[in-house]
């Protein structure tokens, strides 16, 4: 099954502007892993478009863009699974 997931806007506070590409790449890697290794949430198997996903919040130390991206991807995945 092919899945297309597009995140149009992501608002994060407390991170350096220059880290956005590294965080984005980490989010993409981790979401790819989660969606490949775990059961697909029903929301993704029925087709259609989801306008908004509330990924909630998480605490992160803004010192590792890769770690932040991984945590963010987990939050997005949990939001999709709800």
C-alpha atoms as a PDB file:
ATOM      1  CA  UNK A   1       0.000   0.000   0.000  1.00  0.00           C
ATOM      2  CA  UNK A   2       1.278   3.454  -0.870  1.00  0.00           C
ATOM      3  CA  UNK A   3       0.609   6.289   1.541  1.00  0.00           C
ATOM      4  CA  UNK A   4       1.102   9.949   0.836  1.00  0.00           C
ATOM      5  CA  UNK A   5       1.421  12.071   3.935  1.00  0.00           C
ATOM      6  CA  UNK A   6       1.881  15.789   3.525  1.00  0.00           C
ATOM      7  CA  UNK A   7       2.548  18.074   6.466  1.00  0.00           C
ATOM      8  CA  UNK A   8       1.754  21.541   5.221  1.00  0.00           C
ATOM      9  CA  UNK A   9       2.534  23.447   8.374  1.00  0.00           C
ATOM     10  CA  UNK A  10       4.410  22.610  11.513  1.00  0.00           C
ATOM     11  CA  UNK A  11       4.783  25.203  14.223  1.00  0.00           C
ATOM     12  CA  UNK A  12       7.518  24.671  16.781  1.00  0.00           C
ATOM     13  CA  UNK A  13       8.793  27.117  19.364  1.00  0.00           C
ATOM     14  CA  UNK A  14      12.238  27.228  20.966  1.00  0.00           C
ATOM     15  CA  UNK A  15      14.264  25.808  18.081  1.00  0.00           C
ATOM     16  CA  UNK A  16      16.790  27.469  15.811  1.00  0.00           C
ATOM     17  CA  UNK A  17      15.507  28.311  12.352  1.00  0.00           C
ATOM     18  CA  UNK A  18      18.498  26.562  10.805  1.00  0.00           C
ATOM     19  CA  UNK A  19      17.504  23.242  12.396  1.00  0.00           C
ATOM     20  CA  UNK A  20      14.235  22.975  10.498  1.00  0.00           C
ATOM     21  CA  UNK A  21      15.608  20.855   7.642  1.00  0.00           C
ATOM     22  CA  UNK A  22      17.344  18.416   9.973  1.00  0.00           C
ATOM     23  CA  UNK A  23      14.220  18.125  12.142  1.00  0.00           C
ATOM     24  CA  UNK A  24      12.084  17.630   9.023  1.00  0.00           C
ATOM     25  CA  UNK A  25      14.373  14.882   7.719  1.00  0.00           C
ATOM     26  CA  UNK A  26      14.245  13.114  11.097  1.00  0.00           C
ATOM     27  CA  UNK A  27      10.436  13.349  11.120  1.00  0.00           C
ATOM     28  CA  UNK A  28      10.290  11.834   7.639  1.00  0.00           C
ATOM     29  CA  UNK A  29      12.642   8.960   8.537  1.00  0.00           C
ATOM     30  CA  UNK A  30      10.813   8.105  11.749  1.00  0.00           C
ATOM     31  CA  UNK A  31       7.306   8.357  10.262  1.00  0.00           C
ATOM     32  CA  UNK A  32       8.417   6.107   7.416  1.00  0.00           C
ATOM     33  CA  UNK A  33       9.722   3.596   9.941  1.00  0.00           C
ATOM     34  CA  UNK A  34       6.607   3.734  12.133  1.00  0.00           C
ATOM     35  CA  UNK A  35       4.208   3.395   9.207  1.00  0.00           C
ATOM     36  CA  UNK A  36       6.254   0.534   7.736  1.00  0.00           C
ATOM     37  CA  UNK A  37       6.741  -1.487  10.911  1.00  0.00           C
ATOM     38  CA  UNK A  38       3.435  -1.024  12.719  1.00  0.00           C
ATOM     39  CA  UNK A  39      -0.140  -1.694  11.731  1.00  0.00           C
ATOM     40  CA  UNK A  40      -1.591   1.162   9.745  1.00  0.00           C
ATOM     41  CA  UNK A  41      -4.092   3.209  11.707  1.00  0.00           C
ATOM     42  CA  UNK A  42      -7.674   2.778  10.397  1.00  0.00           C
ATOM     43  CA  UNK A  43      -7.702   6.448   9.442  1.00  0.00           C
ATOM     44  CA  UNK A  44      -5.115   5.665   6.743  1.00  0.00           C
ATOM     45  CA  UNK A  45      -6.654   2.460   5.413  1.00  0.00           C
ATOM     46  CA  UNK A  46     -10.020   3.968   4.506  1.00  0.00           C
ATOM     47  CA  UNK A  47      -8.622   6.523   2.064  1.00  0.00           C
ATOM     48  CA  UNK A  48      -9.608  10.140   1.868  1.00  0.00           C
ATOM     49  CA  UNK A  49      -8.039  13.246   3.302  1.00  0.00           C
ATOM     50  CA  UNK A  50      -7.625  14.249   6.912  1.00  0.00           C
ATOM     51  CA  UNK A  51      -7.546  18.019   7.221  1.00  0.00           C
ATOM     52  CA  UNK A  52      -5.992  18.270  10.657  1.00  0.00           C
ATOM     53  CA  UNK A  53      -4.270  15.957  13.097  1.00  0.00           C
ATOM     54  CA  UNK A  54      -3.698  17.060  16.654  1.00  0.00           C
ATOM     55  CA  UNK A  55      -0.311  15.625  17.553  1.00  0.00           C
ATOM     56  CA  UNK A  56      -0.557  17.003  21.072  1.00  0.00           C
ATOM     57  CA  UNK A  57       2.608  18.149  22.745  1.00  0.00           C
ATOM     58  CA  UNK A  58       5.805  16.707  24.096  1.00  0.00           C
ATOM     59  CA  UNK A  59       8.800  17.971  26.019  1.00  0.00           C
ATOM     60  CA  UNK A  60      12.108  18.059  24.225  1.00  0.00           C
ATOM     61  CA  UNK A  61      15.449  19.598  24.893  1.00  0.00           C
ATOM     62  CA  UNK A  62      16.259  21.661  21.832  1.00  0.00           C
ATOM     63  CA  UNK A  63      19.822  20.326  21.568  1.00  0.00           C
ATOM     64  CA  UNK A  64      19.401  17.488  19.077  1.00  0.00           C
ATOM     65  CA  UNK A  65      17.395  18.074  15.922  1.00  0.00           C
ATOM     66  CA  UNK A  66      17.348  14.330  15.198  1.00  0.00           C
ATOM     67  CA  UNK A  67      15.926  13.501  18.622  1.00  0.00           C
ATOM     68  CA  UNK A  68      13.312  16.237  18.325  1.00  0.00           C
ATOM     69  CA  UNK A  69      12.326  14.991  14.862  1.00  0.00           C
ATOM     70  CA  UNK A  70      11.965  11.433  16.148  1.00  0.00           C
ATOM     71  CA  UNK A  71       9.830  12.565  19.082  1.00  0.00           C
ATOM     72  CA  UNK A  72       7.724  14.739  16.805  1.00  0.00           C
ATOM     73  CA  UNK A  73       7.135  11.855  14.398  1.00  0.00           C
ATOM     74  CA  UNK A  74       5.975   9.707  17.313  1.00  0.00           C
ATOM     75  CA  UNK A  75       3.524  12.421  18.334  1.00  0.00           C
ATOM     76  CA  UNK A  76       2.200  12.694  14.763  1.00  0.00           C
ATOM     77  CA  UNK A  77       1.836   8.909  14.524  1.00  0.00           C
ATOM     78  CA  UNK A  78      -0.112   8.842  17.797  1.00  0.00           C
ATOM     79  CA  UNK A  79      -2.322  11.644  16.455  1.00  0.00           C
ATOM     80  CA  UNK A  80      -3.006   9.641  13.298  1.00  0.00           C
ATOM     81  CA  UNK A  81      -3.788   6.525  15.335  1.00  0.00           C
ATOM     82  CA  UNK A  82      -6.473   8.257  17.421  1.00  0.00           C
END
